């Protein structure tokens, strides 16, 4: 992919724990295993990225001494904030830096984060809207597989 095409790739930035606690199946899974809930969200969003071409970034609150970023499952980028820095702050910084240059959608249930990111040019969506988009994408994929 050339540099011009990379500039036009849409981004979806997800407030990881916000989505986990908003989606019943992930919240229930989280009660038994935080890692399993995170892994399930990452797995689902990997499929979403693969089928939409939209770059997915998931940001979680962390406990380490520095903010960590790694690529998981075919290039989904996952951030864990450092202790004392919230996932919300990381999301707002990313959108503040890139919101005017790139098409960015933010998924969170935190109204303050959504409002701040909207002011930087991002599209703000609720956890339910993200779930509907994910389900629609999964349904389209299922129909392609059946054909």
N, C-alpha and C. Protein backbone atom coordinates (compact mmCIF):
# COMPACT_ATOMS: atom_id res chain seq x y z
N UNK A 1 0.85 -1.18 0.00
CA UNK A 1 0.00 0.00 0.00
C UNK A 1 0.89 1.24 0.00
N UNK A 2 0.62 2.17 -0.88
CA UNK A 2 1.46 3.35 -0.95
C UNK A 2 1.09 4.36 0.15
N UNK A 3 1.95 5.35 0.33
CA UNK A 3 1.77 6.33 1.40
C UNK A 3 0.47 7.10 1.26
N UNK A 4 0.05 7.38 0.04
CA UNK A 4 -1.19 8.13 -0.18
C UNK A 4 -2.39 7.34 0.35
N UNK A 5 -2.42 6.03 0.06
CA UNK A 5 -3.53 5.20 0.54
C UNK A 5 -3.53 5.08 2.06
N UNK A 6 -2.36 5.00 2.67
CA UNK A 6 -2.26 4.89 4.13
C UNK A 6 -2.85 6.12 4.81
N UNK A 7 -2.72 7.27 4.19
CA UNK A 7 -3.25 8.50 4.77
C UNK A 7 -4.77 8.46 4.88
N UNK A 8 -5.43 7.68 4.03
CA UNK A 8 -6.88 7.67 3.99
C UNK A 8 -7.50 6.48 4.72
N UNK A 9 -6.69 5.67 5.38
CA UNK A 9 -7.22 4.53 6.13
C UNK A 9 -7.96 5.06 7.36
N UNK A 10 -9.21 4.65 7.54
CA UNK A 10 -9.93 5.08 8.75
C UNK A 10 -9.44 4.32 9.98
N UNK A 11 -9.50 4.97 11.12
CA UNK A 11 -9.07 4.37 12.39
C UNK A 11 -10.26 4.27 13.33
N UNK A 12 -10.27 3.20 14.09
CA UNK A 12 -11.25 2.99 15.15
C UNK A 12 -10.47 2.82 16.44
N UNK A 13 -10.63 3.75 17.36
CA UNK A 13 -9.95 3.68 18.65
C UNK A 13 -10.99 3.29 19.70
N UNK A 14 -10.69 2.23 20.43
CA UNK A 14 -11.63 1.65 21.38
C UNK A 14 -11.12 1.80 22.80
N UNK A 15 -11.99 2.29 23.66
CA UNK A 15 -11.73 2.35 25.10
C UNK A 15 -12.02 0.95 25.63
N UNK A 16 -10.99 0.13 25.76
CA UNK A 16 -11.14 -1.30 26.01
C UNK A 16 -12.01 -1.68 27.19
N UNK A 17 -11.68 -1.18 28.37
CA UNK A 17 -12.46 -1.56 29.54
C UNK A 17 -13.88 -1.00 29.47
N UNK A 18 -14.05 0.14 28.88
CA UNK A 18 -15.38 0.73 28.72
C UNK A 18 -16.27 -0.20 27.91
N UNK A 19 -15.72 -0.77 26.84
CA UNK A 19 -16.49 -1.69 26.00
C UNK A 19 -16.74 -3.00 26.73
N UNK A 20 -15.72 -3.50 27.42
CA UNK A 20 -15.89 -4.76 28.16
C UNK A 20 -17.03 -4.65 29.16
N UNK A 21 -17.11 -3.55 29.89
CA UNK A 21 -18.16 -3.40 30.89
C UNK A 21 -19.51 -3.02 30.30
N UNK A 22 -19.53 -2.58 29.05
CA UNK A 22 -20.79 -2.22 28.40
C UNK A 22 -21.45 -3.41 27.72
N UNK A 23 -20.65 -4.38 27.29
CA UNK A 23 -21.18 -5.56 26.61
C UNK A 23 -21.37 -6.69 27.61
N UNK A 24 -22.59 -7.16 27.77
CA UNK A 24 -22.90 -8.16 28.80
C UNK A 24 -22.01 -9.38 28.75
N UNK A 25 -21.83 -9.97 27.56
CA UNK A 25 -21.03 -11.21 27.48
C UNK A 25 -19.59 -10.98 27.88
N UNK A 26 -19.02 -9.81 27.58
CA UNK A 26 -17.65 -9.53 27.99
C UNK A 26 -17.57 -9.21 29.48
N UNK A 27 -18.58 -8.52 29.99
CA UNK A 27 -18.60 -8.20 31.42
C UNK A 27 -18.67 -9.50 32.25
N UNK A 28 -19.52 -10.43 31.84
CA UNK A 28 -19.62 -11.71 32.54
C UNK A 28 -18.31 -12.49 32.45
N UNK A 29 -17.71 -12.48 31.29
CA UNK A 29 -16.42 -13.14 31.12
C UNK A 29 -15.36 -12.50 32.01
N UNK A 30 -15.38 -11.16 32.10
CA UNK A 30 -14.43 -10.41 32.92
C UNK A 30 -14.53 -10.79 34.39
N UNK A 31 -15.74 -11.12 34.86
CA UNK A 31 -15.92 -11.52 36.26
C UNK A 31 -15.13 -12.78 36.58
N UNK A 32 -14.89 -13.61 35.58
CA UNK A 32 -14.14 -14.85 35.77
C UNK A 32 -12.67 -14.71 35.40
N UNK A 33 -12.41 -13.89 34.38
CA UNK A 33 -11.04 -13.72 33.91
C UNK A 33 -10.90 -12.42 33.13
N UNK A 34 -10.14 -11.49 33.69
CA UNK A 34 -9.90 -10.22 33.00
C UNK A 34 -9.18 -10.46 31.68
N UNK A 35 -8.20 -11.36 31.70
CA UNK A 35 -7.42 -11.66 30.50
C UNK A 35 -8.31 -12.25 29.40
N UNK A 36 -9.20 -13.16 29.78
CA UNK A 36 -10.09 -13.78 28.78
C UNK A 36 -11.01 -12.73 28.14
N UNK A 37 -11.50 -11.79 28.94
CA UNK A 37 -12.37 -10.73 28.40
C UNK A 37 -11.59 -9.85 27.43
N UNK A 38 -10.38 -9.46 27.80
CA UNK A 38 -9.54 -8.65 26.90
C UNK A 38 -9.24 -9.41 25.61
N UNK A 39 -8.87 -10.68 25.76
CA UNK A 39 -8.54 -11.48 24.58
C UNK A 39 -9.73 -11.64 23.65
N UNK A 40 -10.92 -11.80 24.22
CA UNK A 40 -12.12 -11.96 23.40
C UNK A 40 -12.42 -10.66 22.63
N UNK A 41 -12.27 -9.50 23.30
CA UNK A 41 -12.47 -8.23 22.61
C UNK A 41 -11.45 -8.07 21.48
N UNK A 42 -10.21 -8.39 21.76
CA UNK A 42 -9.15 -8.30 20.74
C UNK A 42 -9.47 -9.24 19.57
N UNK A 43 -9.89 -10.46 19.88
CA UNK A 43 -10.22 -11.43 18.83
C UNK A 43 -11.35 -10.91 17.94
N UNK A 44 -12.41 -10.42 18.55
CA UNK A 44 -13.55 -9.92 17.77
C UNK A 44 -13.14 -8.72 16.91
N UNK A 45 -12.35 -7.83 17.49
CA UNK A 45 -11.98 -6.63 16.75
C UNK A 45 -10.93 -6.92 15.67
N UNK A 46 -10.19 -8.01 15.83
CA UNK A 46 -9.28 -8.44 14.77
C UNK A 46 -10.09 -8.84 13.54
N UNK A 47 -11.15 -9.60 13.76
CA UNK A 47 -12.03 -9.97 12.66
C UNK A 47 -12.65 -8.75 12.01
N UNK A 48 -13.04 -7.79 12.84
CA UNK A 48 -13.63 -6.55 12.33
C UNK A 48 -12.63 -5.83 11.42
N UNK A 49 -11.40 -5.69 11.91
CA UNK A 49 -10.36 -5.01 11.12
C UNK A 49 -10.11 -5.75 9.81
N UNK A 50 -10.01 -7.06 9.89
CA UNK A 50 -9.75 -7.86 8.69
C UNK A 50 -10.84 -7.69 7.63
N UNK A 51 -12.07 -7.52 8.08
CA UNK A 51 -13.19 -7.46 7.14
C UNK A 51 -13.58 -6.05 6.71
N UNK A 52 -13.15 -5.04 7.43
CA UNK A 52 -13.52 -3.68 7.06
C UNK A 52 -12.36 -2.86 6.51
N UNK A 53 -11.14 -3.26 6.83
CA UNK A 53 -9.98 -2.46 6.43
C UNK A 53 -9.72 -1.29 7.35
N UNK A 54 -10.60 -1.10 8.31
CA UNK A 54 -10.44 -0.02 9.29
C UNK A 54 -9.38 -0.45 10.30
N UNK A 55 -8.41 0.42 10.60
CA UNK A 55 -7.35 0.11 11.56
C UNK A 55 -7.92 0.22 12.97
N UNK A 56 -7.75 -0.82 13.75
CA UNK A 56 -8.30 -0.85 15.11
C UNK A 56 -7.18 -0.68 16.12
N UNK A 57 -7.43 0.22 17.06
CA UNK A 57 -6.53 0.45 18.20
C UNK A 57 -7.38 0.29 19.45
N UNK A 58 -6.93 -0.57 20.37
CA UNK A 58 -7.65 -0.76 21.63
C UNK A 58 -6.75 -0.25 22.75
N UNK A 59 -7.31 0.57 23.62
CA UNK A 59 -6.55 1.15 24.72
C UNK A 59 -7.15 0.68 26.05
N UNK A 60 -6.28 0.13 26.91
CA UNK A 60 -6.68 -0.34 28.23
C UNK A 60 -5.94 0.44 29.30
N UNK A 61 -6.57 0.55 30.47
CA UNK A 61 -5.86 1.08 31.63
C UNK A 61 -4.84 0.04 32.05
N UNK A 62 -3.62 0.50 32.36
CA UNK A 62 -2.56 -0.42 32.76
C UNK A 62 -2.04 -0.12 34.15
N UNK A 63 -1.03 -0.88 34.54
CA UNK A 63 -0.45 -0.74 35.88
C UNK A 63 1.06 -0.60 35.85
N UNK A 64 1.64 -0.62 34.67
CA UNK A 64 3.10 -0.61 34.56
C UNK A 64 3.70 0.76 34.78
N UNK A 65 5.02 0.83 34.63
CA UNK A 65 5.75 2.08 34.84
C UNK A 65 5.82 2.93 33.58
N UNK A 66 5.42 2.35 32.44
CA UNK A 66 5.39 3.12 31.20
C UNK A 66 4.23 2.65 30.34
N UNK A 67 3.80 3.52 29.44
CA UNK A 67 2.75 3.13 28.50
C UNK A 67 3.35 2.13 27.53
N UNK A 68 2.66 1.01 27.35
CA UNK A 68 3.14 -0.02 26.46
C UNK A 68 2.22 -0.16 25.26
N UNK A 69 2.81 -0.39 24.13
CA UNK A 69 2.06 -0.59 22.90
C UNK A 69 2.60 -1.84 22.23
N UNK A 70 1.71 -2.69 21.77
CA UNK A 70 2.15 -3.84 21.00
C UNK A 70 1.10 -4.17 19.96
N UNK A 71 1.53 -4.92 18.97
CA UNK A 71 0.61 -5.35 17.92
C UNK A 71 0.20 -6.77 18.23
N UNK A 72 -1.07 -7.00 18.14
CA UNK A 72 -1.65 -8.29 18.48
C UNK A 72 -2.43 -8.80 17.28
N UNK A 73 -2.37 -10.08 17.05
CA UNK A 73 -3.22 -10.71 16.04
C UNK A 73 -3.30 -9.90 14.73
N UNK A 74 -2.29 -9.97 13.95
CA UNK A 74 -2.30 -9.35 12.63
C UNK A 74 -2.49 -7.84 12.67
N UNK A 75 -1.76 -7.20 13.49
CA UNK A 75 -1.61 -5.74 13.47
C UNK A 75 -2.67 -4.91 14.19
N UNK A 76 -3.53 -5.50 14.99
CA UNK A 76 -4.32 -4.64 15.87
C UNK A 76 -3.34 -4.06 16.87
N UNK A 77 -3.41 -2.76 17.08
CA UNK A 77 -2.51 -2.15 18.05
C UNK A 77 -3.22 -2.05 19.39
N UNK A 78 -2.55 -2.50 20.43
CA UNK A 78 -3.11 -2.49 21.78
C UNK A 78 -2.18 -1.66 22.66
N UNK A 79 -2.77 -0.71 23.37
CA UNK A 79 -2.02 0.11 24.33
C UNK A 79 -2.47 -0.23 25.74
N UNK A 80 -1.52 -0.27 26.67
CA UNK A 80 -1.80 -0.31 28.10
C UNK A 80 -1.17 0.95 28.68
N UNK A 81 -2.00 1.79 29.31
CA UNK A 81 -1.48 3.03 29.88
C UNK A 81 -0.60 2.71 31.08
N UNK A 82 0.30 3.62 31.40
CA UNK A 82 1.12 3.43 32.60
C UNK A 82 0.30 3.78 33.83
N UNK A 83 0.75 3.33 34.97
CA UNK A 83 0.08 3.63 36.23
C UNK A 83 0.01 5.16 36.38
N UNK A 84 -1.17 5.64 36.75
CA UNK A 84 -1.36 7.08 36.92
C UNK A 84 -1.84 7.79 35.67
N UNK A 85 -1.85 7.09 34.54
CA UNK A 85 -2.37 7.63 33.29
C UNK A 85 -3.54 6.75 32.87
N UNK A 86 -4.64 7.36 32.54
CA UNK A 86 -5.82 6.56 32.16
C UNK A 86 -5.83 6.27 30.66
N UNK A 87 -6.56 5.24 30.31
CA UNK A 87 -6.79 4.94 28.89
C UNK A 87 -7.43 6.15 28.21
N UNK A 88 -8.32 6.83 28.95
CA UNK A 88 -8.98 8.02 28.40
C UNK A 88 -7.96 9.06 27.96
N UNK A 89 -6.93 9.27 28.77
CA UNK A 89 -5.90 10.26 28.43
C UNK A 89 -5.13 9.86 27.18
N UNK A 90 -4.83 8.58 27.05
CA UNK A 90 -4.12 8.09 25.86
C UNK A 90 -4.99 8.32 24.62
N UNK A 91 -6.26 7.96 24.73
CA UNK A 91 -7.19 8.13 23.60
C UNK A 91 -7.28 9.60 23.21
N UNK A 92 -7.45 10.48 24.18
CA UNK A 92 -7.55 11.91 23.89
C UNK A 92 -6.28 12.45 23.25
N UNK A 93 -5.11 11.97 23.69
CA UNK A 93 -3.85 12.41 23.09
C UNK A 93 -3.74 11.94 21.63
N UNK A 94 -4.10 10.70 21.39
CA UNK A 94 -4.05 10.18 20.01
C UNK A 94 -4.95 10.98 19.09
N UNK A 95 -6.16 11.23 19.54
CA UNK A 95 -7.10 11.98 18.71
C UNK A 95 -6.67 13.44 18.58
N UNK A 96 -6.16 14.01 19.65
CA UNK A 96 -5.66 15.39 19.59
C UNK A 96 -4.54 15.53 18.57
N UNK A 97 -3.69 14.52 18.48
CA UNK A 97 -2.55 14.56 17.56
C UNK A 97 -2.97 14.27 16.11
N UNK A 98 -3.88 13.32 15.90
CA UNK A 98 -4.19 12.86 14.55
C UNK A 98 -5.60 13.17 14.07
N UNK A 99 -6.45 13.69 14.93
CA UNK A 99 -7.86 13.88 14.59
C UNK A 99 -8.15 14.76 13.40
N UNK A 100 -7.33 15.74 13.15
CA UNK A 100 -7.56 16.64 12.01
C UNK A 100 -6.96 16.09 10.72
N UNK A 101 -6.05 15.09 10.85
CA UNK A 101 -5.36 14.55 9.67
C UNK A 101 -5.97 13.25 9.17
N UNK A 102 -6.62 12.51 10.06
CA UNK A 102 -7.12 11.17 9.72
C UNK A 102 -8.57 11.04 10.13
N UNK A 103 -9.27 10.10 9.48
CA UNK A 103 -10.64 9.80 9.87
C UNK A 103 -10.57 8.85 11.07
N UNK A 104 -11.02 9.33 12.22
CA UNK A 104 -10.95 8.55 13.44
C UNK A 104 -12.34 8.44 14.05
N UNK A 105 -12.68 7.22 14.45
CA UNK A 105 -13.90 6.96 15.20
C UNK A 105 -13.49 6.48 16.59
N UNK A 106 -14.18 6.98 17.60
CA UNK A 106 -13.90 6.59 18.99
C UNK A 106 -15.10 5.84 19.52
N UNK A 107 -14.84 4.69 20.16
CA UNK A 107 -15.90 3.93 20.81
C UNK A 107 -15.64 3.89 22.31
N UNK A 108 -16.58 4.47 23.07
CA UNK A 108 -16.47 4.51 24.52
C UNK A 108 -17.85 4.79 25.10
N UNK A 109 -18.03 4.47 26.36
CA UNK A 109 -19.27 4.86 27.03
C UNK A 109 -19.05 6.09 27.91
N UNK A 110 -17.83 6.62 27.89
CA UNK A 110 -17.48 7.79 28.68
C UNK A 110 -17.79 9.05 27.88
N UNK A 111 -18.84 9.75 28.28
CA UNK A 111 -19.29 10.93 27.54
C UNK A 111 -18.22 12.02 27.45
N UNK A 112 -17.46 12.21 28.52
CA UNK A 112 -16.41 13.23 28.51
C UNK A 112 -15.35 12.91 27.45
N UNK A 113 -14.97 11.66 27.33
CA UNK A 113 -13.99 11.25 26.32
C UNK A 113 -14.56 11.46 24.93
N UNK A 114 -15.80 11.03 24.74
CA UNK A 114 -16.44 11.19 23.43
C UNK A 114 -16.55 12.66 23.05
N UNK A 115 -16.93 13.52 24.01
CA UNK A 115 -17.05 14.96 23.73
C UNK A 115 -15.69 15.58 23.39
N UNK A 116 -14.68 15.23 24.17
CA UNK A 116 -13.34 15.77 23.92
C UNK A 116 -12.84 15.34 22.55
N UNK A 117 -12.99 14.06 22.26
CA UNK A 117 -12.50 13.55 20.97
C UNK A 117 -13.29 14.15 19.80
N UNK A 118 -14.58 14.35 19.98
CA UNK A 118 -15.39 15.00 18.94
C UNK A 118 -14.87 16.41 18.66
N UNK A 119 -14.45 17.10 19.71
CA UNK A 119 -13.95 18.47 19.52
C UNK A 119 -12.65 18.48 18.72
N UNK A 120 -11.94 17.34 18.68
CA UNK A 120 -10.71 17.21 17.89
C UNK A 120 -10.98 16.66 16.49
N UNK A 121 -12.24 16.44 16.17
CA UNK A 121 -12.59 16.00 14.83
C UNK A 121 -12.95 14.53 14.68
N UNK A 122 -12.95 13.78 15.78
CA UNK A 122 -13.28 12.35 15.70
C UNK A 122 -14.79 12.15 15.67
N UNK A 123 -15.20 11.00 15.16
CA UNK A 123 -16.59 10.57 15.21
C UNK A 123 -16.75 9.76 16.49
N UNK A 124 -17.72 10.08 17.30
CA UNK A 124 -17.93 9.40 18.58
C UNK A 124 -19.09 8.42 18.46
N UNK A 125 -18.85 7.16 18.90
CA UNK A 125 -19.93 6.17 18.89
C UNK A 125 -20.01 5.48 20.25
N UNK A 126 -21.18 4.99 20.54
CA UNK A 126 -21.44 4.29 21.80
C UNK A 126 -21.00 2.83 21.69
N UNK A 127 -20.88 2.15 22.83
CA UNK A 127 -20.61 0.71 22.79
C UNK A 127 -21.67 -0.06 22.00
N UNK A 128 -22.94 0.34 22.12
CA UNK A 128 -24.00 -0.34 21.36
C UNK A 128 -23.82 -0.15 19.86
N UNK A 129 -23.45 1.05 19.44
CA UNK A 129 -23.22 1.29 18.01
C UNK A 129 -22.05 0.46 17.50
N UNK A 130 -21.00 0.33 18.32
CA UNK A 130 -19.87 -0.51 17.93
C UNK A 130 -20.31 -1.96 17.81
N UNK A 131 -21.09 -2.43 18.77
CA UNK A 131 -21.56 -3.81 18.75
C UNK A 131 -22.41 -4.07 17.51
N UNK A 132 -23.29 -3.14 17.17
CA UNK A 132 -24.12 -3.29 15.97
C UNK A 132 -23.26 -3.35 14.70
N UNK A 133 -22.24 -2.52 14.63
CA UNK A 133 -21.35 -2.51 13.48
C UNK A 133 -20.58 -3.83 13.40
N UNK A 134 -20.10 -4.32 14.55
CA UNK A 134 -19.39 -5.59 14.60
C UNK A 134 -20.29 -6.74 14.16
N UNK A 135 -21.51 -6.77 14.68
CA UNK A 135 -22.46 -7.84 14.32
C UNK A 135 -22.81 -7.79 12.84
N UNK A 136 -22.98 -6.61 12.30
CA UNK A 136 -23.28 -6.45 10.87
C UNK A 136 -22.12 -6.98 10.03
N UNK A 137 -20.90 -6.65 10.43
CA UNK A 137 -19.71 -7.11 9.72
C UNK A 137 -19.61 -8.63 9.78
N UNK A 138 -19.87 -9.21 10.97
CA UNK A 138 -19.82 -10.67 11.12
C UNK A 138 -20.89 -11.35 10.28
N UNK A 139 -22.06 -10.73 10.21
CA UNK A 139 -23.16 -11.29 9.41
C UNK A 139 -22.80 -11.28 7.92
N UNK A 140 -22.23 -10.18 7.45
CA UNK A 140 -21.81 -10.09 6.04
C UNK A 140 -20.76 -11.14 5.72
N UNK A 141 -19.84 -11.36 6.65
CA UNK A 141 -18.80 -12.37 6.44
C UNK A 141 -19.43 -13.76 6.38
N UNK A 142 -20.36 -14.05 7.26
CA UNK A 142 -21.04 -15.35 7.26
C UNK A 142 -21.73 -15.60 5.94
N UNK A 143 -22.36 -14.57 5.39
CA UNK A 143 -23.05 -14.72 4.10
C UNK A 143 -22.04 -14.98 2.98
N UNK A 144 -20.88 -14.34 3.03
CA UNK A 144 -19.86 -14.58 2.02
C UNK A 144 -19.35 -16.02 2.10
N UNK A 145 -19.18 -16.52 3.30
CA UNK A 145 -18.66 -17.87 3.49
C UNK A 145 -19.65 -18.90 2.97
N UNK A 146 -20.94 -18.67 3.19
CA UNK A 146 -21.97 -19.60 2.75
C UNK A 146 -22.04 -19.66 1.23
N UNK A 147 -21.79 -18.54 0.57
CA UNK A 147 -21.88 -18.49 -0.90
C UNK A 147 -20.84 -19.31 -1.51
